[in-house]
C-alpha atoms as a PDB file:
ATOM      1  CA  MET A   1      68.847  26.815 -26.151  1.00  0.00           C
ATOM      2  CA  ARG A   2      67.617  23.987 -28.200  1.00  0.00           C
ATOM      3  CA  ARG A   3      64.319  24.195 -29.982  1.00  0.00           C
ATOM      4  CA  LEU A   4      61.884  21.302 -30.183  1.00  0.00           C
ATOM      5  CA  ALA A   5      60.960  20.080 -33.602  1.00  0.00           C
ATOM      6  CA  ARG A   6      57.361  21.091 -34.647  1.00  0.00           C
ATOM      7  CA  ALA A   7      55.045  18.010 -34.567  1.00  0.00           C
ATOM      8  CA  PRO A   8      53.214  17.198 -37.786  1.00  0.00           C
ATOM      9  CA  ALA A   9      49.477  18.388 -37.652  1.00  0.00           C
ATOM     10  CA  ALA A  10      48.186  14.836 -37.971  1.00  0.00           C
ATOM     11  CA  ALA A  11      50.247  13.835 -34.793  1.00  0.00           C
ATOM     12  CA  LEU A  12      48.782  16.698 -32.886  1.00  0.00           C
ATOM     13  CA  VAL A  13      45.261  15.747 -33.770  1.00  0.00           C
ATOM     14  CA  ALA A  14      45.938  12.207 -32.734  1.00  0.00           C
ATOM     15  CA  VAL A  15      47.222  13.396 -29.275  1.00  0.00           C
ATOM     16  CA  ALA A  16      44.141  15.703 -28.696  1.00  0.00           C
ATOM     17  CA  LEU A  17      41.846  12.679 -29.462  1.00  0.00           C
ATOM     18  CA  LEU A  18      43.794  10.480 -26.998  1.00  0.00           C
ATOM     19  CA  VAL A  19      43.561  13.155 -24.311  1.00  0.00           C
ATOM     20  CA  ALA A  20      39.817  13.461 -24.929  1.00  0.00           C
ATOM     21  CA  ALA A  21      39.311   9.769 -24.621  1.00  0.00           C
ATOM     22  CA  CYS A  22      41.243   9.586 -21.350  1.00  0.00           C
ATOM     23  CA  ARG A  23      39.317  12.403 -19.613  1.00  0.00           C
ATOM     24  CA  THR A  24      37.882  11.483 -16.207  1.00  0.00           C
ATOM     25  CA  ASP A  25      34.961  13.751 -15.827  1.00  0.00           C
ATOM     26  CA  PRO A  26      32.735  12.371 -13.126  1.00  0.00           C
ATOM     27  CA  ALA A  27      29.562  10.529 -14.332  1.00  0.00           C
ATOM     28  CA  PRO A  28      26.277  11.359 -12.810  1.00  0.00           C
ATOM     29  CA  ALA A  29      25.381   9.181  -9.849  1.00  0.00           C
ATOM     30  CA  ALA A  30      22.799   6.467 -10.462  1.00  0.00           C
ATOM     31  CA  GLY A  31      19.237   7.784 -10.095  1.00  0.00           C
ATOM     32  CA  VAL A  32      20.159  11.494  -9.640  1.00  0.00           C
ATOM     33  CA  GLY A  33      17.447  13.513 -11.101  1.00  0.00           C
ATOM     34  CA  GLY A  34      14.984  10.687 -10.896  1.00  0.00           C
ATOM     35  CA  PRO A  35      13.508   8.701 -13.713  1.00  0.00           C
ATOM     36  CA  ASP A  36      10.960  10.004 -16.349  1.00  0.00           C
ATOM     37  CA  PHE A  37       7.448   8.980 -15.258  1.00  0.00           C
ATOM     38  CA  SER A  38       5.702  10.519 -18.205  1.00  0.00           C
ATOM     39  CA  ALA A  39       5.164   7.074 -19.899  1.00  0.00           C
ATOM     40  CA  VAL A  40       3.874   5.547 -16.517  1.00  0.00           C
ATOM     41  CA  PHE A  41       1.430   8.384 -16.109  1.00  0.00           C
ATOM     42  CA  ALA A  42       0.110   8.039 -19.635  1.00  0.00           C
ATOM     43  CA  SER A  43      -0.406   4.337 -18.954  1.00  0.00           C
ATOM     44  CA  VAL A  44      -1.909   4.420 -15.494  1.00  0.00           C
ATOM     45  CA  ALA A  45      -3.773   7.761 -15.291  1.00  0.00           C
ATOM     46  CA  PRO A  46      -6.715   6.712 -17.449  1.00  0.00           C
ATOM     47  CA  ALA A  47      -7.508   4.082 -14.739  1.00  0.00           C
ATOM     48  CA  VAL A  48      -7.485   6.620 -11.820  1.00  0.00           C
ATOM     49  CA  VAL A  49     -10.909   8.098 -10.935  1.00  0.00           C
ATOM     50  CA  ARG A  50     -12.317  10.748  -8.785  1.00  0.00           C
ATOM     51  CA  VAL A  51     -14.569   9.437  -5.918  1.00  0.00           C
ATOM     52  CA  MET A  52     -17.406  11.657  -4.525  1.00  0.00           C
ATOM     53  CA  ALA A  53     -19.352  10.675  -1.430  1.00  0.00           C
ATOM     54  CA  GLY A  54     -22.467  12.464  -0.387  1.00  0.00           C
ATOM     55  CA  ARG A  55     -26.233  12.158  -0.721  1.00  0.00           C
ATOM     56  CA  THR A  56     -28.937  12.961  -3.186  1.00  0.00           C
ATOM     57  CA  ASP A  57     -31.544  15.722  -2.878  1.00  0.00           C
ATOM     58  CA  GLY A  58     -34.002  15.145  -5.711  1.00  0.00           C
ATOM     59  CA  ASP A  59     -32.007  15.288  -8.897  1.00  0.00           C
ATOM     60  CA  ARG A  60     -29.110  17.021  -7.145  1.00  0.00           C
ATOM     61  CA  PHE A  61     -26.095  15.287  -5.668  1.00  0.00           C
ATOM     62  CA  LEU A  62     -24.600  16.997  -2.550  1.00  0.00           C
ATOM     63  CA  ALA A  63     -20.972  16.113  -2.157  1.00  0.00           C
ATOM     64  CA  ALA A  64     -19.527  15.654   1.313  1.00  0.00           C
ATOM     65  CA  ARG A  65     -16.097  14.167   0.571  1.00  0.00           C
ATOM     66  CA  PHE A  66     -13.819  13.855  -2.476  1.00  0.00           C
ATOM     67  CA  GLY A  67     -11.052  11.285  -2.967  1.00  0.00           C
ATOM     68  CA  SER A  68      -9.352   8.994  -5.490  1.00  0.00           C
ATOM     69  CA  GLY A  69      -9.703   5.455  -6.551  1.00  0.00           C
ATOM     70  CA  PHE A  70      -8.487   3.239  -9.428  1.00  0.00           C
ATOM     71  CA  VAL A  71      -9.819   0.504 -11.646  1.00  0.00           C
ATOM     72  CA  TRP A  72      -9.388  -2.930 -10.152  1.00  0.00           C
ATOM     73  CA  ASP A  73     -10.512  -5.362 -12.813  1.00  0.00           C
ATOM     74  CA  LEU A  74     -12.549  -5.656 -15.977  1.00  0.00           C
ATOM     75  CA  GLU A  75     -15.860  -6.263 -13.915  1.00  0.00           C
ATOM     76  CA  ASP A  76     -16.452  -2.545 -13.176  1.00  0.00           C
ATOM     77  CA  HIS A  77     -14.828  -2.622  -9.747  1.00  0.00           C
ATOM     78  CA  ILE A  78     -13.051   0.472  -8.290  1.00  0.00           C
ATOM     79  CA  VAL A  79     -10.943   0.378  -5.151  1.00  0.00           C
ATOM     80  CA  THR A  80     -10.382   3.296  -2.684  1.00  0.00           C
ATOM     81  CA  ASN A  81     -10.131   4.051   0.919  1.00  0.00           C
ATOM     82  CA  ASP A  82     -12.817   3.322   3.413  1.00  0.00           C
ATOM     83  CA  HIS A  83     -12.481   6.803   4.858  1.00  0.00           C
ATOM     84  CA  VAL A  84     -13.240   8.339   1.558  1.00  0.00           C
ATOM     85  CA  VAL A  85     -16.417   6.306   1.422  1.00  0.00           C
ATOM     86  CA  GLY A  86     -17.549   6.440   5.009  1.00  0.00           C
ATOM     87  CA  THR A  87     -21.174   5.903   5.613  1.00  0.00           C
ATOM     88  CA  ALA A  88     -22.291   8.136   2.705  1.00  0.00           C
ATOM     89  CA  PRO A  89     -25.684   7.005   1.373  1.00  0.00           C
ATOM     90  CA  ALA A  90     -24.655   7.854  -2.165  1.00  0.00           C
ATOM     91  CA  LEU A  91     -21.547   7.592  -4.203  1.00  0.00           C
ATOM     92  CA  ARG A  92     -20.205   8.762  -7.606  1.00  0.00           C
ATOM     93  CA  VAL A  93     -17.080   8.269  -9.658  1.00  0.00           C
ATOM     94  CA  SER A  94     -15.730  10.298 -12.578  1.00  0.00           C
ATOM     95  CA  PHE A  95     -13.436   9.159 -15.307  1.00  0.00           C
ATOM     96  CA  GLU A  96     -13.408  12.355 -17.124  1.00  0.00           C
ATOM     97  CA  PRO A  97     -14.212  15.910 -16.012  1.00  0.00           C
ATOM     98  CA  GLU A  98     -17.644  16.442 -14.569  1.00  0.00           C
ATOM     99  CA  VAL A  99     -18.981  13.269 -16.056  1.00  0.00           C
ATOM    100  CA  TRP A 100     -20.227  11.239 -12.988  1.00  0.00           C
ATOM    101  CA  TRP A 101     -21.189   7.693 -12.807  1.00  0.00           C
ATOM    102  CA  PRO A 102     -23.221   6.179  -9.979  1.00  0.00           C
ATOM    103  CA  VAL A 103     -21.542   3.390  -7.962  1.00  0.00           C
ATOM    104  CA  ALA A 104     -22.654   0.733  -5.561  1.00  0.00           C
ATOM    105  CA  LEU A 105     -20.767  -0.169  -2.390  1.00  0.00           C
ATOM    106  CA  VAL A 106     -19.608  -3.793  -2.684  1.00  0.00           C
ATOM    107  CA  GLY A 107     -17.972  -3.743   0.701  1.00  0.00           C
ATOM    108  CA  ARG A 108     -15.934  -1.725   3.088  1.00  0.00           C
ATOM    109  CA  ASP A 109     -13.385  -2.535   5.959  1.00  0.00           C
ATOM    110  CA  ALA A 110     -12.472   0.038   8.591  1.00  0.00           C
ATOM    111  CA  SER A 111      -9.787  -2.245   9.951  1.00  0.00           C
ATOM    112  CA  THR A 112      -7.753  -1.893   6.812  1.00  0.00           C
ATOM    113  CA  ASP A 113      -9.257   1.408   5.526  1.00  0.00           C
ATOM    114  CA  LEU A 114     -10.252  -0.198   2.201  1.00  0.00           C
ATOM    115  CA  ALA A 115     -13.435  -0.162   0.127  1.00  0.00           C
ATOM    116  CA  LEU A 116     -14.654  -1.735  -3.038  1.00  0.00           C
ATOM    117  CA  LEU A 117     -17.122  -0.112  -5.444  1.00  0.00           C
ATOM    118  CA  ARG A 118     -18.864  -1.151  -8.574  1.00  0.00           C
ATOM    119  CA  VAL A 119     -19.866   1.263 -11.226  1.00  0.00           C
ATOM    120  CA  ASP A 120     -23.316   1.351 -12.547  1.00  0.00           C
ATOM    121  CA  ARG A 121     -23.222   1.730 -16.323  1.00  0.00           C
ATOM    122  CA  SER A 122     -26.905   2.632 -16.697  1.00  0.00           C
ATOM    123  CA  GLY A 123     -26.216   6.283 -17.027  1.00  0.00           C
ATOM    124  CA  ALA A 124     -23.967   9.176 -16.392  1.00  0.00           C
ATOM    125  CA  SER A 125     -24.720  12.553 -14.959  1.00  0.00           C
ATOM    126  CA  GLY A 126     -23.181  15.939 -15.818  1.00  0.00           C
ATOM    127  CA  PRO A 127     -22.446  17.206 -19.353  1.00  0.00           C
ATOM    128  CA  ALA A 128     -22.349  13.685 -20.853  1.00  0.00           C
ATOM    129  CA  PRO A 129     -24.595  13.152 -23.942  1.00  0.00           C
ATOM    130  CA  PRO A 130     -27.674  10.946 -23.128  1.00  0.00           C
ATOM    131  CA  GLY A 131     -26.751   7.334 -23.522  1.00  0.00           C
ATOM    132  CA  GLN A 132     -23.053   7.882 -23.508  1.00  0.00           C
ATOM    133  CA  ALA A 133     -21.169   4.553 -23.142  1.00  0.00           C
ATOM    134  CA  LEU A 134     -18.443   4.186 -20.625  1.00  0.00           C
ATOM    135  CA  VAL A 135     -15.042   3.114 -22.070  1.00  0.00           C
ATOM    136  CA  TRP A 136     -13.607   0.978 -19.269  1.00  0.00           C
ATOM    137  CA  PRO A 137      -9.722   1.573 -18.879  1.00  0.00           C
ATOM    138  CA  ALA A 138      -7.480  -1.335 -18.463  1.00  0.00           C
ATOM    139  CA  PRO A 139      -6.583  -1.982 -14.880  1.00  0.00           C
ATOM    140  CA  PRO A 140      -2.983  -1.223 -14.117  1.00  0.00           C
ATOM    141  CA  LEU A 141      -0.668  -4.221 -13.328  1.00  0.00           C
ATOM    142  CA  HIS A 142       0.216  -5.042  -9.769  1.00  0.00           C
ATOM    143  CA  GLY A 143       3.804  -5.109  -8.513  1.00  0.00           C
ATOM    144  CA  ASP A 144       5.545  -6.674  -5.623  1.00  0.00           C
ATOM    145  CA  ALA A 145       5.486  -4.472  -2.557  1.00  0.00           C
ATOM    146  CA  ALA A 146       7.578  -6.960  -0.655  1.00  0.00           C
ATOM    147  CA  SER A 147      10.579  -6.291  -3.049  1.00  0.00           C
ATOM    148  CA  LEU A 148      10.523  -2.544  -2.441  1.00  0.00           C
ATOM    149  CA  ARG A 149      13.605  -1.006  -0.780  1.00  0.00           C
ATOM    150  CA  PRO A 150      14.203   2.448   0.619  1.00  0.00           C
ATOM    151  CA  GLY A 151      15.383   4.751  -2.048  1.00  0.00           C
ATOM    152  CA  ALA A 152      13.389   3.221  -4.920  1.00  0.00           C
ATOM    153  CA  TRP A 153      11.487   5.708  -7.093  1.00  0.00           C
ATOM    154  CA  VAL A 154       7.691   5.680  -6.854  1.00  0.00           C
ATOM    155  CA  ALA A 155       4.828   7.966  -8.057  1.00  0.00           C
ATOM    156  CA  ALA A 156       1.492   8.700  -6.596  1.00  0.00           C
ATOM    157  CA  ILE A 157      -1.379   9.488  -8.928  1.00  0.00           C
ATOM    158  CA  GLY A 158      -4.726  11.013  -7.489  1.00  0.00           C
ATOM    159  CA  ASN A 159      -6.759  14.030  -7.226  1.00  0.00           C
ATOM    160  CA  PRO A 160      -5.341  16.228  -4.473  1.00  0.00           C
ATOM    161  CA  HIS A 161      -7.647  19.206  -3.591  1.00  0.00           C
ATOM    162  CA  GLU A 162      -9.822  18.034  -6.603  1.00  0.00           C
ATOM    163  CA  MET A 163      -7.032  18.758  -9.081  1.00  0.00           C
ATOM    164  CA  VAL A 164      -7.785  15.919 -11.405  1.00  0.00           C
ATOM    165  CA  ARG A 165      -5.083  13.261 -12.225  1.00  0.00           C
ATOM    166  CA  THR A 166      -2.063  14.734 -10.619  1.00  0.00           C
ATOM    167  CA  ILE A 167       1.162  12.857 -10.247  1.00  0.00           C
ATOM    168  CA  SER A 168       3.880  13.415  -7.600  1.00  0.00           C
ATOM    169  CA  VAL A 169       7.167  11.586  -7.633  1.00  0.00           C
ATOM    170  CA  GLY A 170       9.380  10.517  -4.705  1.00  0.00           C
ATOM    171  CA  VAL A 171      11.120   7.672  -3.210  1.00  0.00           C
ATOM    172  CA  VAL A 172      10.331   4.845  -0.800  1.00  0.00           C
ATOM    173  CA  SER A 173      11.354   6.175   2.571  1.00  0.00           C
ATOM    174  CA  ALA A 174      10.777   3.028   4.545  1.00  0.00           C
ATOM    175  CA  THR A 175       8.676  -0.167   4.403  1.00  0.00           C
ATOM    176  CA  GLY A 176       6.918  -2.201   7.053  1.00  0.00           C
ATOM    177  CA  ARG A 177       6.109   0.997   8.960  1.00  0.00           C
ATOM    178  CA  ARG A 178       3.719  -0.237  11.556  1.00  0.00           C
ATOM    179  CA  GLY A 179       4.231   2.119  14.541  1.00  0.00           C
ATOM    180  CA  ALA A 180       3.092   5.449  12.710  1.00  0.00           C
ATOM    181  CA  ARG A 181       1.001   7.578  14.895  1.00  0.00           C
ATOM    182  CA  LEU A 182      -1.858   8.712  12.546  1.00  0.00           C
ATOM    183  CA  GLU A 183      -5.297   9.868  13.121  1.00  0.00           C
ATOM    184  CA  GLY A 184      -7.692   7.140  12.178  1.00  0.00           C
ATOM    185  CA  THR A 185      -4.776   4.625  11.407  1.00  0.00           C
ATOM    186  CA  PRO A 186      -6.185   1.241  10.340  1.00  0.00           C
ATOM    187  CA  GLN A 187      -5.937  -1.603  12.872  1.00  0.00           C
ATOM    188  CA  TYR A 188      -3.783  -3.452  10.517  1.00  0.00           C
ATOM    189  CA  ALA A 189      -1.167  -1.010   9.264  1.00  0.00           C
ATOM    190  CA  ASP A 190       1.974  -2.182   7.458  1.00  0.00           C
ATOM    191  CA  PHE A 191       2.561   0.898   5.453  1.00  0.00           C
ATOM    192  CA  ILE A 192       5.026   1.896   2.699  1.00  0.00           C
ATOM    193  CA  GLN A 193       6.364   5.247   3.713  1.00  0.00           C
ATOM    194  CA  THR A 194       7.145   7.675   0.869  1.00  0.00           C
ATOM    195  CA  ASP A 195       8.078  11.307   0.399  1.00  0.00           C
ATOM    196  CA  ALA A 196       5.907  11.556  -2.715  1.00  0.00           C
ATOM    197  CA  ASP A 197       3.487  14.478  -1.905  1.00  0.00           C
ATOM    198  CA  LEU A 198      -0.045  13.256  -0.796  1.00  0.00           C
ATOM    199  CA  ASN A 199      -2.761  15.717   0.025  1.00  0.00           C
ATOM    200  CA  PRO A 200      -6.458  15.783   0.881  1.00  0.00           C
ATOM    201  CA  GLY A 201      -8.100  13.962  -2.204  1.00  0.00           C
ATOM    202  CA  SER A 202      -5.046  11.801  -2.924  1.00  0.00           C
ATOM    203  CA  SER A 203      -6.456   9.064  -0.698  1.00  0.00           C
ATOM    204  CA  GLY A 204      -7.297   5.889  -2.674  1.00  0.00           C
ATOM    205  CA  GLY A 205      -5.046   6.540  -5.629  1.00  0.00           C
ATOM    206  CA  PRO A 206      -2.371   4.102  -6.770  1.00  0.00           C
ATOM    207  CA  LEU A 207       1.251   4.388  -5.682  1.00  0.00           C
ATOM    208  CA  VAL A 208       3.221   2.899  -8.683  1.00  0.00           C
ATOM    209  CA  ASP A 209       6.733   1.914  -9.402  1.00  0.00           C
ATOM    210  CA  GLY A 210       9.000   2.932 -12.376  1.00  0.00           C
ATOM    211  CA  LEU A 211       7.377   0.359 -14.618  1.00  0.00           C
ATOM    212  CA  GLY A 212       3.871   1.552 -13.871  1.00  0.00           C
ATOM    213  CA  ARG A 213       2.990  -1.338 -11.556  1.00  0.00           C
ATOM    214  CA  VAL A 214       0.760  -0.547  -8.561  1.00  0.00           C
ATOM    215  CA  VAL A 215       2.638  -1.267  -5.340  1.00  0.00           C
ATOM    216  CA  GLY A 216       0.336   0.467  -2.841  1.00  0.00           C
ATOM    217  CA  LEU A 217      -2.750   2.433  -2.293  1.00  0.00           C
ATOM    218  CA  SER A 218      -2.169   6.070  -1.029  1.00  0.00           C
ATOM    219  CA  THR A 219      -3.750   6.134   2.449  1.00  0.00           C
ATOM    220  CA  ALA A 220      -2.537   8.777   4.897  1.00  0.00           C
ATOM    221  CA  VAL A 221      -0.261  11.718   5.644  1.00  0.00           C
ATOM    222  CA  MET A 222       1.272  12.560   8.978  1.00  0.00           C
ATOM    223  CA  ALA A 223      -0.127  15.849  10.185  1.00  0.00           C
ATOM    224  CA  ARG A 224       2.212  18.800  10.644  1.00  0.00           C
ATOM    225  CA  ALA A 225       4.961  16.968   8.752  1.00  0.00           C
ATOM    226  CA  GLN A 226       6.336  17.320   5.286  1.00  0.00           C
ATOM    227  CA  GLY A 227       7.432  14.511   3.040  1.00  0.00           C
ATOM    228  CA  ILE A 228       5.962  11.744   5.240  1.00  0.00           C
ATOM    229  CA  ALA A 229       3.148   9.946   3.628  1.00  0.00           C
ATOM    230  CA  PHE A 230       1.829   6.336   3.671  1.00  0.00           C
ATOM    231  CA  ALA A 231       0.433   3.880   1.327  1.00  0.00           C
ATOM    232  CA  THR A 232      -1.044   0.380   2.073  1.00  0.00           C
ATOM    233  CA  PRO A 233       0.997  -2.426   0.256  1.00  0.00           C
ATOM    234  CA  ILE A 234      -0.781  -3.913  -2.741  1.00  0.00           C
ATOM    235  CA  ASP A 235      -0.582  -7.472  -1.418  1.00  0.00           C
ATOM    236  CA  GLN A 236      -2.637  -6.394   1.680  1.00  0.00           C
ATOM    237  CA  VAL A 237      -5.047  -4.561  -0.673  1.00  0.00           C
ATOM    238  CA  GLU A 238      -5.438  -7.743  -2.828  1.00  0.00           C
ATOM    239  CA  THR A 239      -6.250  -9.972   0.289  1.00  0.00           C
ATOM    240  CA  VAL A 240      -8.859  -7.618   1.628  1.00  0.00           C
ATOM    241  CA  VAL A 241     -10.441  -6.844  -1.825  1.00  0.00           C
ATOM    242  CA  GLU A 242     -10.893 -10.486  -2.710  1.00  0.00           C
ATOM    243  CA  SER A 243     -12.797 -10.980   0.522  1.00  0.00           C
ATOM    244  CA  LEU A 244     -14.933  -7.815  -0.173  1.00  0.00           C
ATOM    245  CA  ARG A 245     -15.697  -8.952  -3.677  1.00  0.00           C
ATOM    246  CA  THR A 246     -16.754 -12.470  -2.842  1.00  0.00           C
ATOM    247  CA  ARG A 247     -18.334 -11.784   0.609  1.00  0.00           C
ATOM    248  CA  GLY A 248     -19.053  -8.226   0.936  1.00  0.00           C
ATOM    249  CA  ARG A 249     -16.757  -7.855   3.980  1.00  0.00           C
ATOM    250  CA  PHE A 250     -13.293  -8.749   5.060  1.00  0.00           C
ATOM    251  CA  VAL A 251     -13.499 -12.155   6.739  1.00  0.00           C
ATOM    252  CA  ARG A 252     -10.584 -12.245   9.230  1.00  0.00           C
ATOM    253  CA  GLY A 253      -8.909 -15.128  11.064  1.00  0.00           C
ATOM    254  CA  PHE A 254      -9.036 -15.074  14.903  1.00  0.00           C
ATOM    255  CA  ALA A 255      -6.381 -16.592  17.152  1.00  0.00           C
ATOM    256  CA  GLY A 256      -7.773 -15.756  20.400  1.00  0.00           C
ATOM    257  CA  PHE A 257      -4.726 -14.035  21.961  1.00  0.00           C
ATOM    258  CA  THR A 258      -3.518 -10.560  22.653  1.00  0.00           C
ATOM    259  CA  VAL A 259       0.175  -9.707  22.132  1.00  0.00           C
ATOM    260  CA  ARG A 260       2.545  -7.035  23.128  1.00  0.00           C
ATOM    261  CA  PRO A 261       6.233  -6.310  22.252  1.00  0.00           C
ATOM    262  CA  VAL A 262       9.086  -8.413  23.564  1.00  0.00           C
ATOM    263  CA  ARG A 263      11.346  -6.588  25.833  1.00  0.00           C
ATOM    264  CA  ILE A 264      15.183  -7.182  26.258  1.00  0.00           C
ATOM    265  CA  GLY A 265      14.701  -8.872  29.617  1.00  0.00           C
ATOM    266  CA  ALA A 266      12.041 -11.335  28.140  1.00  0.00           C
ATOM    267  CA  ALA A 267      14.217 -12.111  25.158  1.00  0.00           C
ATOM    268  CA  ALA A 268      17.194 -12.860  27.543  1.00  0.00           C
ATOM    269  CA  GLU A 269      15.105 -15.162  29.722  1.00  0.00           C
ATOM    270  CA  ALA A 270      14.153 -17.128  26.503  1.00  0.00           C
ATOM    271  CA  SER A 271      17.824 -17.241  25.428  1.00  0.00           C
ATOM    272  CA  LEU A 272      16.995 -15.347  22.229  1.00  0.00           C
ATOM    273  CA  GLN A 273      20.051 -14.138  20.477  1.00  0.00           C
ATOM    274  CA  ARG A 274      18.191 -10.852  19.628  1.00  0.00           C
ATOM    275  CA  VAL A 275      14.945  -9.211  20.448  1.00  0.00           C
ATOM    276  CA  TYR A 276      12.092 -10.354  18.177  1.00  0.00           C
ATOM    277  CA  GLY A 277       8.756 -12.267  18.278  1.00  0.00           C
ATOM    278  CA  ALA A 278       5.467 -11.271  19.932  1.00  0.00           C
ATOM    279  CA  LEU A 279       4.877 -11.819  23.526  1.00  0.00           C
ATOM    280  CA  VAL A 280       1.486 -13.484  24.298  1.00  0.00           C
ATOM    281  CA  GLN A 281      -0.251 -11.210  26.934  1.00  0.00           C
ATOM    282  CA  SER A 282      -3.448 -13.202  27.378  1.00  0.00           C
ATOM    283  CA  VAL A 283      -5.474 -15.918  25.699  1.00  0.00           C
ATOM    284  CA  VAL A 284      -9.269 -16.094  25.317  1.00  0.00           C
ATOM    285  CA  PRO A 285     -10.670 -18.980  27.447  1.00  0.00           C
ATOM    286  CA  GLU A 286     -11.548 -21.928  25.309  1.00  0.00           C
ATOM    287  CA  GLY A 287     -10.287 -19.916  22.242  1.00  0.00           C
ATOM    288  CA  PRO A 288      -8.043 -21.150  19.312  1.00  0.00           C
ATOM    289  CA  ALA A 289      -4.758 -20.270  21.150  1.00  0.00           C
ATOM    290  CA  GLU A 290      -5.764 -21.956  24.362  1.00  0.00           C
ATOM    291  CA  ARG A 291      -6.959 -25.089  22.531  1.00  0.00           C
ATOM    292  CA  ALA A 292      -3.661 -25.170  20.818  1.00  0.00           C
ATOM    293  CA  GLY A 293      -1.781 -25.022  24.114  1.00  0.00           C
ATOM    294  CA  LEU A 294      -0.446 -21.562  23.953  1.00  0.00           C
ATOM    295  CA  LYS A 295      -0.210 -19.631  27.255  1.00  0.00           C
ATOM    296  CA  GLY A 296       0.336 -16.050  28.443  1.00  0.00           C
ATOM    297  CA  GLY A 297       4.018 -15.416  28.508  1.00  0.00           C
ATOM    298  CA  ASP A 298       4.802 -17.498  25.532  1.00  0.00           C
ATOM    299  CA  ILE A 299       6.798 -15.624  22.689  1.00  0.00           C
ATOM    300  CA  VAL A 300       5.580 -16.432  19.259  1.00  0.00           C
ATOM    301  CA  LEU A 301       8.617 -16.748  17.006  1.00  0.00           C
ATOM    302  CA  LYS A 302       7.148 -17.826  13.734  1.00  0.00           C
ATOM    303  CA  PHE A 303       3.675 -17.939  12.327  1.00  0.00           C
ATOM    304  CA  GLY A 304       3.447 -20.480   9.409  1.00  0.00           C
ATOM    305  CA  ALA A 305       6.365 -19.735   7.241  1.00  0.00           C
ATOM    306  CA  THR A 306       6.845 -16.130   8.453  1.00  0.00           C
ATOM    307  CA  LYS A 307       9.215 -15.103  11.096  1.00  0.00           C
ATOM    308  CA  VAL A 308       7.526 -12.685  13.617  1.00  0.00           C
ATOM    309  CA  GLU A 309       9.952  -9.783  13.678  1.00  0.00           C
ATOM    310  CA  ASP A 310       7.894  -7.768  15.995  1.00  0.00           C
ATOM    311  CA  SER A 311       4.458  -7.850  17.763  1.00  0.00           C
ATOM    312  CA  THR A 312       2.753  -5.526  15.323  1.00  0.00           C
ATOM    313  CA  LEU A 313       3.210  -7.895  12.517  1.00  0.00           C
ATOM    314  CA  LEU A 314       1.396 -10.847  14.037  1.00  0.00           C
ATOM    315  CA  PRO A 315      -2.189  -9.339  14.085  1.00  0.00           C
ATOM    316  CA  TRP A 316      -2.152  -8.914  10.362  1.00  0.00           C
ATOM    317  CA  LEU A 317      -0.747 -12.434   9.713  1.00  0.00           C
ATOM    318  CA  VAL A 318      -3.715 -13.800  11.804  1.00  0.00           C
ATOM    319  CA  ALA A 319      -6.259 -11.569  10.130  1.00  0.00           C
ATOM    320  CA  ALA A 320      -5.086 -12.509   6.628  1.00  0.00           C
ATOM    321  CA  SER A 321      -5.401 -16.214   7.307  1.00  0.00           C
ATOM    322  CA  PRO A 322      -8.766 -17.720   6.580  1.00  0.00           C
ATOM    323  CA  PRO A 323     -10.968 -19.050   9.256  1.00  0.00           C
ATOM    324  CA  GLY A 324     -10.552 -22.837   9.563  1.00  0.00           C
ATOM    325  CA  ALA A 325      -6.799 -22.686   8.542  1.00  0.00           C
ATOM    326  CA  VAL A 326      -4.443 -24.726  10.545  1.00  0.00           C
ATOM    327  CA  VAL A 327      -1.216 -22.686  11.154  1.00  0.00           C
ATOM    328  CA  GLU A 328       2.042 -24.108  12.725  1.00  0.00           C
ATOM    329  CA  VAL A 329       3.236 -21.591  15.277  1.00  0.00           C
ATOM    330  CA  ARG A 330       6.626 -21.876  16.838  1.00  0.00           C
ATOM    331  CA  TYR A 331       7.036 -20.334  20.191  1.00  0.00           C
ATOM    332  CA  ALA A 332       9.439 -19.942  23.175  1.00  0.00           C
ATOM    333  CA  ARG A 333       8.369 -20.762  26.669  1.00  0.00           C
ATOM    334  CA  GLY A 334      11.221 -19.791  28.848  1.00  0.00           C
ATOM    335  CA  THR A 335      14.231 -21.519  27.434  1.00  0.00           C
ATOM    336  CA  GLN A 336      12.063 -24.274  25.961  1.00  0.00           C
ATOM    337  CA  ARG A 337      10.872 -24.265  22.291  1.00  0.00           C
ATOM    338  CA  GLY A 338       7.516 -25.594  21.198  1.00  0.00           C
ATOM    339  CA  VAL A 339       5.326 -25.965  18.168  1.00  0.00           C
ATOM    340  CA  ALA A 340       1.489 -25.422  18.236  1.00  0.00           C
ATOM    341  CA  LEU A 341      -1.010 -26.233  15.605  1.00  0.00           C
ATOM    342  CA  LEU A 342      -3.391 -23.333  15.639  1.00  0.00           C
ATOM    343  CA  THR A 343      -6.870 -23.688  14.058  1.00  0.00           C
ATOM    344  CA  LEU A 344      -8.069 -20.271  13.347  1.00  0.00           C
ATOM    345  CA  SER A 345     -11.744 -19.259  13.738  1.00  0.00           C
ATOM    346  CA  GLU A 346     -13.649 -16.238  12.430  1.00  0.00           C
ATOM    347  CA  ALA A 347     -13.045 -13.008  13.971  1.00  0.00           C
ATOM    348  CA  PRO A 348     -16.155 -11.819  15.962  1.00  0.00           C
END
């Protein structure tokens, strides 16, 4: 039997290093384990407040509801959900434990479940020293909700069950969720669905992306379900809040028609390659739609620059357009195609 010559020690070391360099241990899949949101929390949490709605009884404040909100700008404004505020005659917000500041209701809108508050800096209640000044936190930056994709990491910051400034992390489960059956669902719902945990008291808090930008406002959970929660996209919040800030109410556009989903048969009759659009069910006599020449049975395909993918999208597109705006509407009437110039009025 022949014996192999013993290799020099240096050669063995070189071979060992080469083998180690060529190992093919699998790398962790991208995103597994989730990102670290600790820096995001440190940045955004100071701008998240507790909201308390109730009434006063002499020097006492009697709370009826608790929720969340967050700093909107540098002009003492806080945004939250309308269902947190409701019709309560008195409101308070807290930036730090048990130090409550009175706030005035700037405006509220049930159709989008949004409300805008303004903090009164005249004095705090609770264990705060007399004359304590309020240090106003920096408002968080806003992100782009339209760019969100299912699977993207997000975090919700709020006060669930009055547990102050709690963060929960999850992913975007879906976007454009307009068919969710929720108790008290806003009239104009175009939700971001997420599996980040939301609980009573979370409503009104910010939903943020991995860079700490607000992409939505935590709004609702689905009863008897787990991991199904909804947030209002930040662009919708911006539209409504600007109207609340300047006018005290959400001034909506009005087109003067009702719509319903397009079915396969109607799409085929209109020679559409796929089912999309919104079927005009009826028009208000002498309303904007009738004056523009639209009729019942027309299928609205495009509203301005936006393709109408389904009928639930169109009401928000109309509402978000200012009264007096002239919008080009592309529609199908049977196999014919038409363009109508729709001059919106103010919603009654």
